[in-house]
Amino acid sequence: MLSIRDLFRIMWLPNERLDNKNLLFEHSNFIVRQKFMQTIDVMFDVHDAEGNNLAARLKTASDAAREADRTAKSLRAIVKGEHPVGPLVLETDHERAKQEAQAISAQIAQLDHDHTVRGAGITELRQALAASQSEARDAAVRVRGRESLMERLSALRGQYADDKKKLTFLKEAELLFDPLQVSVCPACLSTLTASPVVVNEACSLCGHNLPSEDSAQAVQQLDRGSPGDTETGNGISRGNSGATAVLAAELKATTRRLAELNDYWNRLDQDLTALREARDAANRAAEAASAAVDRIVSTPAPYLAVRDDLARRHAQALLLEQQTAAGLRLWERVRQAEEVADRLAGQAARLRAERSATVARPDRAAVVRQLSARFGEVLAAIGYPKLSEPRLDDRLVPSVRGLPYTAASSGGLVLISLAWHLSLWEVAYETGARAPGLLIIDSPQKNLGHGAHPDDPDFADTRLVENFYRHVKEWLAGPGTGAQLVVVDNSPPDLVADDVVVRYSRSYAVPPYGLIEDATD
């Protein structure tokens, strides 16, 4: 039986991987491809997980150290330009400014206390001034409110007066001109000898009976003496009496509202006069109180000069204290930044020393170049049609004729897959790498020779299959002595007839039927 180590040393190339354009699992899950590439690196001893981790940590630490050093230098340059005296001098200046500000604050407090004791009279005058000024402001607010209200009412008065003029004009027009003007019968179009009237609660024109209330209203309107109405027997000419009555009622209401508004406006105007007098009196009282305060304040007082000088010195001391405190904070940031830069530089140095102490490993680029060269040699030995520019890139992806392997035909994909696995197998065995000593290939004639696609005549040549077997036999007899290759082929060429180990039949009755003797399916 095969051990776990022996299984690891087996390379298996199934039929479906010969032309599926997924030679390095580049179209599979990312983890599958990553593990496949890591397996190849481990095979040639060029994969150093610890070294890669150490290199990544070293790069991160070096970048962080450079960035921290650049930040610390920039910060030091800026702070030195603003506070060139340094943190020691700034600390001394800060302490001195703080003590001076405290001393001046005590002097100002004592001076204010003494002045407050002597200024009780001035305080009363100031309180009286504040009260009179507040009263003057309130009076001015009342006057402005009343004036604003009267301005709005003035516009409303003008609107009502204009409406009254319009209604008066319409009423006079209704009295002068009959809007009905029915002079022709609407049925026969004959000229009427008399205007339509209401006779015995019935219309003389249409004969429609009118309610007694309407007749009474019409009679009442005629009794008022509308100029356009006429009487005919017991009938009443309706004329324009209805419209005139409406206009008269609206005009009366407008006149009444305008009179009420004028009366209200007059009362507001009288109140405004009184409010203005009160405002003027309050302003005079405030001016008198202000003059009294000014007379006392304008009297020469040594207190003001002394206090102004103390306030100026106190402000200067506080400003100096703030500036020195800000400078100390900036220099503290510089110190912290330099400490961080030194710590990161030390970490990078330790990682650099640790990396230098590690054992040197084979160069992966050299391994890739060797595999690429062998890939071209195998394709040339097999006789790849129109072969040019065969190579493997840094990710071991093959290309032929300057195009990626996925651009090749079905037969070309099979030859490229065979050459890729043979190159890996041969170089690994020759260099003594952790390589599989056993390679298993299933159906190497797929899409080649008689099985080639009709549209792919370049790979229909059976010599390609013979060249494959010939190359393998020559390598196994030379540099590959001791290696093993198992090929599963339905019709091997005569070239390897002596190398056939077992032939399986396709019938249950003719043993051996399969690789597993007791299998029936």
Protein backbone atom coordinates (compact mmCIF):
# COMPACT_ATOMS: atom_id res chain seq x y z
CA MET A 1 0.00 0.00 0.00
CA LEU A 2 1.04 3.62 -0.57
CA SER A 3 1.93 5.74 2.45
CA ILE A 4 0.92 9.35 2.96
CA ARG A 5 4.38 10.43 1.86
CA ASP A 6 4.09 8.32 -1.30
CA LEU A 7 0.71 9.86 -2.08
CA PHE A 8 2.26 13.31 -1.80
CA ARG A 9 4.89 12.26 -4.32
CA ILE A 10 2.28 11.37 -6.98
CA MET A 11 1.34 13.87 -9.73
CA TRP A 12 -2.01 13.05 -11.32
CA LEU A 13 -3.13 14.53 -14.68
CA PRO A 14 -6.72 13.40 -15.40
CA ASN A 15 -8.31 13.50 -18.81
CA GLU A 16 -10.56 16.50 -18.10
CA ARG A 17 -7.63 18.75 -17.12
CA LEU A 18 -5.87 18.40 -20.47
CA ASP A 19 -7.94 21.01 -22.32
CA ASN A 20 -10.19 22.79 -19.78
CA LYS A 21 -8.26 26.12 -19.90
CA ASN A 22 -7.91 25.96 -16.12
CA LEU A 23 -4.40 24.55 -15.96
CA LEU A 24 -3.33 26.51 -12.86
CA PHE A 25 -6.85 26.72 -11.40
CA GLU A 26 -6.90 30.41 -12.36
CA HIS A 27 -10.66 30.21 -13.00
CA SER A 28 -11.38 28.30 -9.81
CA ASN A 29 -11.76 29.53 -6.26
CA PHE A 30 -8.99 31.90 -5.23
CA ILE A 31 -8.00 29.72 -2.27
CA VAL A 32 -7.63 26.67 -4.54
CA ARG A 33 -5.27 28.54 -6.86
CA GLN A 34 -3.32 29.98 -3.93
CA LYS A 35 -2.84 26.56 -2.35
CA PHE A 36 -1.83 25.08 -5.71
CA MET A 37 0.87 27.72 -6.22
CA GLN A 38 2.04 27.34 -2.63
CA THR A 39 2.37 23.58 -3.22
CA ILE A 40 4.64 24.20 -6.22
CA ASP A 41 6.74 26.70 -4.22
CA VAL A 42 7.09 24.18 -1.41
CA MET A 43 8.04 21.53 -3.92
CA PHE A 44 11.05 23.57 -5.07
CA ASP A 45 11.78 24.90 -1.57
CA VAL A 46 11.17 28.54 -2.58
CA HIS A 47 8.20 29.05 -0.31
CA ASP A 48 9.20 30.52 3.01
CA ALA A 49 6.11 31.34 5.03
CA GLU A 50 8.10 32.62 7.96
CA GLY A 51 10.39 34.64 5.70
CA ASN A 52 7.43 36.11 3.82
CA ASN A 53 5.75 37.02 7.07
CA LEU A 54 8.97 38.54 8.31
CA ALA A 55 9.42 40.50 5.07
CA ALA A 56 5.86 41.82 5.27
CA ARG A 57 6.35 42.84 8.89
CA LEU A 58 9.68 44.48 8.01
CA LYS A 59 8.10 46.45 5.17
CA THR A 60 5.25 47.59 7.37
CA ALA A 61 7.62 48.56 10.18
CA SER A 62 10.00 50.37 7.80
CA ASP A 63 7.17 52.33 6.20
CA ALA A 64 5.78 53.24 9.61
CA ALA A 65 9.23 54.28 10.86
CA ARG A 66 9.85 56.48 7.81
CA GLU A 67 6.43 58.07 8.11
CA ALA A 68 6.88 58.68 11.84
CA ASP A 69 10.35 60.16 11.31
CA ARG A 70 9.05 62.43 8.55
CA THR A 71 6.15 63.55 10.74
CA ALA A 72 8.45 64.23 13.71
CA LYS A 73 10.86 66.28 11.60
CA SER A 74 8.08 68.30 10.01
CA LEU A 75 6.48 68.94 13.39
CA ARG A 76 9.82 69.97 14.92
CA ALA A 77 10.46 72.42 12.06
CA ILE A 78 7.04 74.01 12.46
CA VAL A 79 7.24 74.28 16.26
CA LYS A 80 10.80 75.59 16.16
CA GLY A 81 9.69 78.33 13.75
CA GLU A 82 6.91 79.43 16.13
CA HIS A 83 8.74 78.88 19.44
CA PRO A 84 12.50 78.94 18.77
CA VAL A 85 13.50 79.40 22.44
CA GLY A 86 12.80 75.77 23.26
CA PRO A 87 10.75 74.03 25.97
CA LEU A 88 13.02 74.93 28.91
CA VAL A 89 12.79 78.69 28.36
CA LEU A 90 9.08 78.41 27.62
CA GLU A 91 8.49 76.63 30.91
CA THR A 92 10.31 79.39 32.84
CA ASP A 93 8.38 82.15 31.01
CA HIS A 94 5.09 80.34 31.60
CA GLU A 95 5.64 80.09 35.35
CA ARG A 96 6.68 83.73 35.62
CA ALA A 97 3.66 84.96 33.58
CA LYS A 98 1.31 82.85 35.69
CA GLN A 99 2.61 84.33 38.95
CA GLU A 100 2.47 87.89 37.57
CA ALA A 101 -1.16 87.42 36.40
CA GLN A 102 -2.20 86.14 39.83
CA ALA A 103 -0.54 89.10 41.59
CA ILE A 104 -2.17 91.68 39.30
CA SER A 105 -5.59 90.00 39.71
CA ALA A 106 -5.26 90.40 43.48
CA GLN A 107 -4.37 94.12 43.08
CA ILE A 108 -7.36 94.74 40.80
CA ALA A 109 -9.74 93.00 43.23
CA GLN A 110 -8.51 95.13 46.12
CA LEU A 111 -8.75 98.33 44.09
CA ASP A 112 -12.32 97.51 43.01
CA HIS A 113 -13.33 96.77 46.58
CA ASP A 114 -12.05 100.13 47.79
CA HIS A 115 -13.77 101.97 44.97
CA THR A 116 -17.06 100.14 45.57
CA VAL A 117 -17.11 101.30 49.17
CA ARG A 118 -16.68 104.92 48.05
CA GLY A 119 -19.07 104.70 45.08
CA ALA A 120 -22.44 103.92 46.73
CA GLY A 121 -23.88 107.27 45.55
CA ILE A 122 -22.81 106.68 41.99
CA THR A 123 -24.55 103.32 42.06
CA GLU A 124 -27.90 104.93 42.96
CA LEU A 125 -27.55 107.40 40.11
CA ARG A 126 -26.77 104.63 37.69
CA GLN A 127 -29.81 102.67 38.84
CA ALA A 128 -32.03 105.73 38.32
CA LEU A 129 -30.50 106.18 34.84
CA ALA A 130 -31.20 102.54 33.96
CA ALA A 131 -34.84 102.82 35.13
CA SER A 132 -35.46 106.04 33.16
CA GLN A 133 -33.87 104.58 30.03
CA SER A 134 -36.02 101.46 30.32
CA GLU A 135 -39.15 103.58 30.66
CA ALA A 136 -38.13 105.65 27.61
CA ARG A 137 -37.62 102.51 25.57
CA ASP A 138 -41.04 101.15 26.57
CA ALA A 139 -42.71 104.45 25.63
CA ALA A 140 -40.98 104.46 22.24
CA VAL A 141 -42.16 100.89 21.62
CA ARG A 142 -45.76 101.86 22.39
CA VAL A 143 -45.58 104.83 20.01
CA ARG A 144 -44.13 102.73 17.22
CA GLY A 145 -46.84 100.09 17.71
CA ARG A 146 -49.63 102.67 17.59
CA GLU A 147 -48.15 104.36 14.48
CA SER A 148 -47.85 100.99 12.72
CA LEU A 149 -51.50 100.16 13.51
CA MET A 150 -52.71 103.53 12.20
CA GLU A 151 -50.72 103.08 8.99
CA ARG A 152 -52.46 99.76 8.33
CA LEU A 153 -55.88 101.26 9.17
CA SER A 154 -55.22 104.19 6.83
CA ALA A 155 -54.82 101.78 3.91
CA LEU A 156 -58.07 100.04 4.94
CA ARG A 157 -59.90 103.40 5.13
CA GLY A 158 -58.79 104.21 1.61
CA GLN A 159 -60.03 100.86 0.38
CA TYR A 160 -63.48 101.34 1.98
CA ALA A 161 -63.73 104.88 0.56
CA ASP A 162 -62.91 103.56 -2.89
CA ASP A 163 -65.54 100.80 -2.54
CA LYS A 164 -68.12 103.41 -1.52
CA LYS A 165 -67.39 105.47 -4.63
CA LYS A 166 -67.74 102.41 -6.86
CA LEU A 167 -71.05 101.37 -5.27
CA THR A 168 -72.43 104.92 -5.56
CA PHE A 169 -71.49 104.98 -9.22
CA LEU A 170 -73.17 101.61 -9.86
CA LYS A 171 -76.34 102.69 -8.05
CA GLU A 172 -76.61 105.87 -10.07
CA ALA A 173 -75.98 103.88 -13.28
CA GLU A 174 -78.78 101.43 -12.38
CA LEU A 175 -81.16 104.34 -11.83
CA LEU A 176 -80.27 106.01 -15.11
CA PHE A 177 -80.21 102.92 -17.34
CA ASP A 178 -82.68 100.02 -17.30
CA PRO A 179 -80.56 96.84 -17.61
CA LEU A 180 -83.54 94.71 -18.56
CA GLN A 181 -84.71 96.71 -21.64
CA VAL A 182 -87.39 94.17 -22.74
CA SER A 183 -89.02 95.91 -25.74
CA VAL A 184 -89.65 92.92 -28.07
CA CYS A 185 -91.69 89.81 -27.33
CA PRO A 186 -89.32 86.79 -27.20
CA ALA A 187 -92.01 84.55 -28.70
CA CYS A 188 -93.35 86.48 -31.74
CA LEU A 189 -90.67 89.17 -31.92
CA SER A 190 -93.35 91.90 -32.02
CA THR A 191 -92.67 95.27 -30.40
CA LEU A 192 -94.27 95.56 -26.96
CA THR A 193 -96.57 98.52 -26.40
CA ALA A 194 -95.79 98.55 -22.65
CA SER A 195 -93.01 97.22 -20.43
CA PRO A 196 -93.64 93.93 -18.59
CA VAL A 197 -95.41 94.41 -15.25
CA VAL A 198 -96.76 92.32 -12.39
CA VAL A 199 -100.58 92.29 -12.38
CA ASN A 200 -102.44 90.51 -9.59
CA GLU A 201 -99.31 88.58 -8.54
CA ALA A 202 -98.73 87.38 -12.12
CA CYS A 203 -96.18 88.45 -14.77
CA SER A 204 -97.81 90.19 -17.73
CA LEU A 205 -95.15 88.81 -20.11
CA CYS A 206 -94.95 85.09 -19.22
CA GLY A 207 -98.03 84.68 -17.04
CA HIS A 208 -96.01 83.09 -14.22
CA ASN A 209 -97.64 83.43 -10.78
CA LEU A 210 -95.39 85.04 -8.20
CA PRO A 211 -95.51 84.35 -4.47
CA SER A 212 -97.19 87.01 -2.44
CA GLU A 213 -93.90 87.77 -0.64
CA ASP A 214 -92.14 88.65 -3.93
CA SER A 215 -95.06 90.84 -4.97
CA ALA A 216 -95.03 92.58 -1.63
CA GLN A 217 -91.29 93.12 -1.87
CA ALA A 218 -91.65 94.54 -5.38
CA VAL A 219 -94.40 96.88 -4.21
CA GLN A 220 -92.25 97.94 -1.21
CA GLN A 221 -89.31 98.73 -3.50
CA LEU A 222 -91.58 100.78 -5.76
CA ASP A 223 -92.87 102.61 -2.73
CA ARG A 224 -89.30 103.76 -2.03
CA GLY A 225 -89.53 105.66 -5.31
CA SER A 226 -87.12 104.03 -7.68
CA PRO A 227 -86.87 106.34 -10.71
CA GLY A 228 -87.05 103.53 -13.26
CA ASP A 229 -90.26 101.91 -11.92
CA THR A 230 -93.77 102.60 -13.33
CA GLU A 231 -97.31 101.66 -12.28
CA THR A 232 -99.86 100.26 -14.73
CA GLY A 233 -103.30 99.62 -13.25
CA ASN A 234 -102.83 97.12 -10.47
CA GLY A 235 -99.44 96.03 -11.88
CA ILE A 236 -95.98 96.99 -10.84
CA SER A 237 -93.13 97.31 -13.38
CA ARG A 238 -90.22 95.27 -12.00
CA GLY A 239 -87.61 97.11 -14.09
CA ASN A 240 -84.31 97.20 -12.26
CA SER A 241 -85.71 97.51 -8.72
CA GLY A 242 -84.04 94.24 -7.50
CA ALA A 243 -80.48 95.16 -8.48
CA THR A 244 -80.91 98.70 -7.13
CA ALA A 245 -82.03 97.33 -3.77
CA VAL A 246 -78.95 95.11 -3.51
CA LEU A 247 -76.64 97.97 -4.40
CA ALA A 248 -78.37 100.22 -1.89
CA ALA A 249 -77.95 97.64 0.88
CA GLU A 250 -74.26 97.08 0.05
CA LEU A 251 -73.63 100.83 -0.13
CA LYS A 252 -75.31 101.33 3.23
CA ALA A 253 -73.19 98.60 4.84
CA THR A 254 -69.97 100.00 3.34
CA THR A 255 -70.85 103.49 4.54
CA ARG A 256 -71.53 102.15 8.03
CA ARG A 257 -68.21 100.24 8.20
CA LEU A 258 -66.28 103.25 6.88
CA ALA A 259 -67.86 105.49 9.53
CA GLU A 260 -66.96 103.01 12.28
CA LEU A 261 -63.40 102.75 10.97
CA ASN A 262 -63.01 106.55 10.84
CA ASP A 263 -64.29 106.86 14.38
CA TYR A 264 -61.82 104.18 15.58
CA TRP A 265 -58.96 105.81 13.68
CA ASN A 266 -59.74 109.22 15.26
CA ARG A 267 -59.65 107.68 18.73
CA LEU A 268 -56.30 106.03 17.94
CA ASP A 269 -54.96 109.36 16.71
CA GLN A 270 -55.92 111.03 19.97
CA ASP A 271 -54.27 108.25 21.97
CA LEU A 272 -51.15 108.57 19.78
CA THR A 273 -50.80 112.21 20.77
CA ALA A 274 -50.85 111.24 24.44
CA LEU A 275 -48.34 108.42 23.87
CA ARG A 276 -45.97 110.76 22.07
CA GLU A 277 -46.12 113.23 24.95
CA ALA A 278 -45.37 110.41 27.41
CA ARG A 279 -42.43 109.27 25.24
CA ASP A 280 -40.99 112.78 25.09
CA ALA A 281 -41.31 113.12 28.87
CA ALA A 282 -39.54 109.78 29.42
CA ASN A 283 -36.73 110.80 27.04
CA ARG A 284 -36.25 114.07 28.92
CA ALA A 285 -36.08 112.20 32.23
CA ALA A 286 -33.50 109.76 30.82
CA GLU A 287 -31.40 112.61 29.45
CA ALA A 288 -31.46 114.34 32.85
CA ALA A 289 -30.37 111.15 34.65
CA SER A 290 -27.61 110.58 32.07
CA ALA A 291 -26.34 114.11 32.51
CA ALA A 292 -26.20 113.62 36.28
CA VAL A 293 -24.15 110.43 35.87
CA ASP A 294 -21.85 112.09 33.33
CA ARG A 295 -21.13 114.94 35.68
CA ILE A 296 -19.96 112.54 38.37
CA VAL A 297 -18.10 110.16 36.04
CA SER A 298 -16.28 112.99 34.24
CA THR A 299 -14.80 114.16 37.52
CA PRO A 300 -11.06 113.31 37.49
CA ALA A 301 -10.41 110.09 39.43
CA PRO A 302 -6.99 108.42 39.95
CA TYR A 303 -8.83 105.10 40.27
CA LEU A 304 -9.50 104.84 36.54
CA ALA A 305 -5.89 105.44 35.51
CA VAL A 306 -4.57 102.94 38.05
CA ARG A 307 -7.12 100.30 37.08
CA ASP A 308 -6.53 100.73 33.36
CA ASP A 309 -2.80 100.21 33.87
CA LEU A 310 -3.40 97.10 35.99
CA ALA A 311 -5.86 95.69 33.43
CA ARG A 312 -3.35 96.23 30.61
CA ARG A 313 -0.57 94.47 32.52
CA HIS A 314 -2.94 91.65 33.50
CA ALA A 315 -3.96 91.12 29.85
CA GLN A 316 -0.33 91.00 28.78
CA ALA A 317 0.51 88.47 31.49
CA LEU A 318 -2.44 86.26 30.51
CA LEU A 319 -1.47 86.44 26.85
CA LEU A 320 2.09 85.45 27.63
CA GLU A 321 0.84 82.59 29.79
CA GLN A 322 -1.38 81.29 27.00
CA GLN A 323 1.38 81.55 24.39
CA THR A 324 3.93 79.75 26.52
CA ALA A 325 1.38 77.04 27.43
CA ALA A 326 0.62 76.50 23.73
CA GLY A 327 4.37 76.31 22.98
CA LEU A 328 4.89 73.74 25.72
CA ARG A 329 2.05 71.59 24.34
CA LEU A 330 3.54 71.73 20.85
CA TRP A 331 7.02 70.77 22.10
CA GLU A 332 5.43 67.91 24.05
CA ARG A 333 3.87 66.67 20.81
CA VAL A 334 7.29 66.87 19.14
CA ARG A 335 8.79 64.80 21.93
CA GLN A 336 6.05 62.16 21.64
CA ALA A 337 6.41 62.03 17.85
CA GLU A 338 10.18 61.54 18.14
CA GLU A 339 9.68 58.79 20.71
CA VAL A 340 7.28 57.01 18.35
CA ALA A 341 9.75 57.39 15.48
CA ASP A 342 12.60 55.99 17.59
CA ARG A 343 10.49 53.06 18.75
CA LEU A 344 9.39 52.18 15.21
CA ALA A 345 12.95 52.55 13.92
CA GLY A 346 14.14 50.15 16.64
CA GLN A 347 11.46 47.62 15.67
CA ALA A 348 12.45 47.87 11.99
CA ALA A 349 16.12 47.42 12.90
CA ARG A 350 15.36 44.30 14.95
CA LEU A 351 13.27 42.82 12.13
CA ARG A 352 16.01 43.66 9.62
CA ALA A 353 18.59 41.90 11.78
CA GLU A 354 16.30 38.91 12.21
CA ARG A 355 15.78 38.69 8.46
CA SER A 356 19.54 38.89 7.80
CA ALA A 357 20.07 36.01 10.21
CA THR A 358 17.68 33.71 8.35
CA VAL A 359 19.06 31.03 6.03
CA ALA A 360 19.17 32.01 2.38
CA ARG A 361 16.76 30.05 0.22
CA PRO A 362 16.72 29.26 -3.52
CA ASP A 363 15.73 32.08 -5.81
CA ARG A 364 12.20 31.60 -7.11
CA ALA A 365 12.95 33.59 -10.26
CA ALA A 366 15.73 31.15 -11.14
CA VAL A 367 13.35 28.21 -10.68
CA VAL A 368 10.76 29.89 -12.91
CA ARG A 369 13.39 30.49 -15.61
CA GLN A 370 14.48 26.85 -15.46
CA LEU A 371 10.89 25.62 -15.73
CA SER A 372 10.21 28.02 -18.63
CA ALA A 373 13.27 26.78 -20.52
CA ARG A 374 12.31 23.13 -19.99
CA PHE A 375 8.75 23.93 -21.12
CA GLY A 376 10.07 25.14 -24.47
CA GLU A 377 12.39 22.15 -24.81
CA VAL A 378 9.54 19.67 -24.21
CA LEU A 379 7.28 21.37 -26.76
CA ALA A 380 10.09 21.36 -29.28
CA ALA A 381 10.76 17.66 -28.62
CA ILE A 382 7.08 16.83 -29.10
CA GLY A 383 7.01 18.87 -32.31
CA TYR A 384 4.46 21.56 -31.44
CA PRO A 385 3.37 23.04 -34.83
CA LYS A 386 4.75 26.50 -35.63
CA LEU A 387 6.39 26.73 -32.21
CA SER A 388 7.61 30.21 -31.19
CA GLU A 389 8.09 32.13 -27.94
CA PRO A 390 7.25 29.31 -25.50
CA ARG A 391 7.56 30.56 -21.94
CA LEU A 392 6.13 30.57 -18.41
CA ASP A 393 5.50 33.87 -16.64
CA ASP A 394 6.15 34.58 -12.96
CA ARG A 395 2.86 32.91 -12.08
CA LEU A 396 3.83 29.85 -14.17
CA VAL A 397 1.08 30.55 -16.71
CA PRO A 398 2.24 29.16 -20.10
CA SER A 399 2.11 31.02 -23.41
CA VAL A 400 3.01 30.00 -26.98
CA ARG A 401 3.41 32.13 -30.11
CA GLY A 402 3.15 35.24 -27.92
CA LEU A 403 -0.39 34.33 -26.83
CA PRO A 404 -1.68 32.86 -23.55
CA TYR A 405 -2.30 29.14 -23.60
CA THR A 406 -6.07 29.70 -23.42
CA ALA A 407 -5.93 31.08 -26.97
CA ALA A 408 -4.62 27.76 -28.36
CA SER A 409 -6.80 25.20 -30.16
CA SER A 410 -8.06 22.01 -28.52
CA GLY A 411 -5.01 20.03 -29.66
CA GLY A 412 -2.67 22.82 -28.66
CA LEU A 413 -4.19 22.90 -25.17
CA VAL A 414 -3.45 19.18 -24.73
CA LEU A 415 0.19 19.52 -25.82
CA ILE A 416 0.72 22.60 -23.63
CA SER A 417 -0.80 20.81 -20.60
CA LEU A 418 1.42 17.74 -21.20
CA ALA A 419 4.53 19.90 -21.63
CA TRP A 420 3.73 21.94 -18.50
CA HIS A 421 3.35 18.88 -16.27
CA LEU A 422 6.35 17.13 -17.81
CA SER A 423 8.50 20.24 -17.23
CA LEU A 424 7.46 20.44 -13.60
CA TRP A 425 7.99 16.70 -13.11
CA GLU A 426 11.37 16.51 -14.86
CA VAL A 427 12.97 19.62 -13.32
CA ALA A 428 11.74 18.69 -9.84
CA TYR A 429 13.17 15.17 -10.15
CA GLU A 430 16.50 16.36 -11.60
CA THR A 431 17.05 18.98 -8.88
CA GLY A 432 16.11 16.63 -6.05
CA ALA A 433 13.23 18.83 -4.98
CA ARG A 434 10.32 17.70 -2.86
CA ALA A 435 8.85 16.45 -6.09
CA PRO A 436 6.51 13.63 -7.05
CA GLY A 437 8.53 10.73 -8.43
CA LEU A 438 5.41 9.29 -10.03
CA LEU A 439 3.42 11.01 -12.80
CA ILE A 440 0.07 9.58 -13.96
CA ILE A 441 -1.37 10.82 -17.27
CA ASP A 442 -4.81 9.82 -18.53
CA SER A 443 -5.47 9.78 -22.33
CA PRO A 444 -2.52 11.80 -23.69
CA GLN A 445 -3.89 11.35 -27.25
CA LYS A 446 -6.97 13.48 -26.51
CA ASN A 447 -7.61 15.91 -29.42
CA LEU A 448 -4.44 14.64 -31.14
CA GLY A 449 -3.82 12.38 -34.14
CA HIS A 450 -6.96 10.55 -35.20
CA GLY A 451 -8.88 12.21 -32.36
CA ALA A 452 -8.04 15.74 -33.54
CA HIS A 453 -10.84 18.17 -34.33
CA PRO A 454 -11.59 18.54 -38.07
CA ASP A 455 -10.95 22.29 -37.81
CA ASP A 456 -7.55 21.67 -36.19
CA PRO A 457 -5.46 19.94 -38.95
CA ASP A 458 -2.11 21.00 -37.43
CA PHE A 459 -2.63 18.55 -34.55
CA ALA A 460 -4.02 15.63 -36.56
CA ASP A 461 -0.50 14.28 -37.08
CA THR A 462 0.03 11.00 -35.17
CA ARG A 463 3.74 11.80 -34.95
CA LEU A 464 2.92 14.23 -32.14
CA VAL A 465 1.85 11.27 -29.97
CA GLU A 466 4.91 9.26 -30.93
CA ASN A 467 7.18 12.24 -30.17
CA PHE A 468 5.57 12.52 -26.73
CA TYR A 469 6.31 8.89 -25.90
CA ARG A 470 9.80 9.11 -27.44
CA HIS A 471 10.70 12.15 -25.33
CA VAL A 472 9.49 10.45 -22.18
CA LYS A 473 11.41 7.23 -22.87
CA GLU A 474 14.63 9.17 -23.59
CA TRP A 475 14.30 11.23 -20.41
CA LEU A 476 13.53 8.20 -18.24
CA ALA A 477 16.55 6.45 -19.70
CA GLY A 478 18.78 9.44 -18.98
CA PRO A 479 18.32 12.20 -16.34
CA GLY A 480 15.07 10.67 -15.14
CA THR A 481 16.42 7.28 -14.23
CA GLY A 482 14.43 6.01 -11.27
CA ALA A 483 11.35 8.16 -11.93
CA GLN A 484 8.06 6.56 -12.85
CA LEU A 485 5.43 7.49 -15.44
CA VAL A 486 2.06 5.76 -15.71
CA VAL A 487 0.15 6.48 -18.92
CA VAL A 488 -3.46 5.38 -19.43
CA ASP A 489 -3.94 5.13 -23.22
CA ASN A 490 -6.54 3.27 -25.27
CA SER A 491 -4.28 2.88 -28.33
CA PRO A 492 -0.61 3.33 -27.47
CA PRO A 493 1.78 3.46 -30.47
CA ASP A 494 4.04 0.58 -31.40
CA LEU A 495 6.96 2.59 -30.03
CA VAL A 496 5.94 1.65 -26.45
CA ALA A 497 4.54 -1.82 -27.12
CA ASP A 498 7.20 -3.40 -24.89
CA ASP A 499 6.42 -0.96 -22.09
CA VAL A 500 2.75 -1.87 -21.75
CA VAL A 501 2.26 -3.38 -18.30
CA VAL A 502 -1.38 -4.43 -18.47
CA ARG A 503 -4.20 -4.32 -20.99
CA TYR A 504 -7.82 -4.18 -19.79
CA SER A 505 -10.66 -5.61 -21.84
CA ARG A 506 -14.01 -3.98 -22.38
CA SER A 507 -16.02 -7.11 -21.58
CA TYR A 508 -17.02 -8.61 -18.25
CA ALA A 509 -16.30 -12.07 -19.62
CA VAL A 510 -12.74 -11.30 -20.62
CA PRO A 511 -10.56 -10.50 -17.60
CA PRO A 512 -9.05 -8.25 -16.57
CA TYR A 513 -12.02 -5.94 -17.04
CA GLY A 514 -10.81 -3.04 -14.89
CA LEU A 515 -8.19 -1.81 -12.51
CA ILE A 516 -10.23 -3.15 -9.58
CA GLU A 517 -10.71 -6.86 -10.34
CA ASP A 518 -13.92 -7.39 -8.36
CA ALA A 519 -15.66 -4.27 -9.73
CA THR A 520 -18.58 -4.97 -12.09
CA ASP A 521 -19.57 -1.35 -12.93
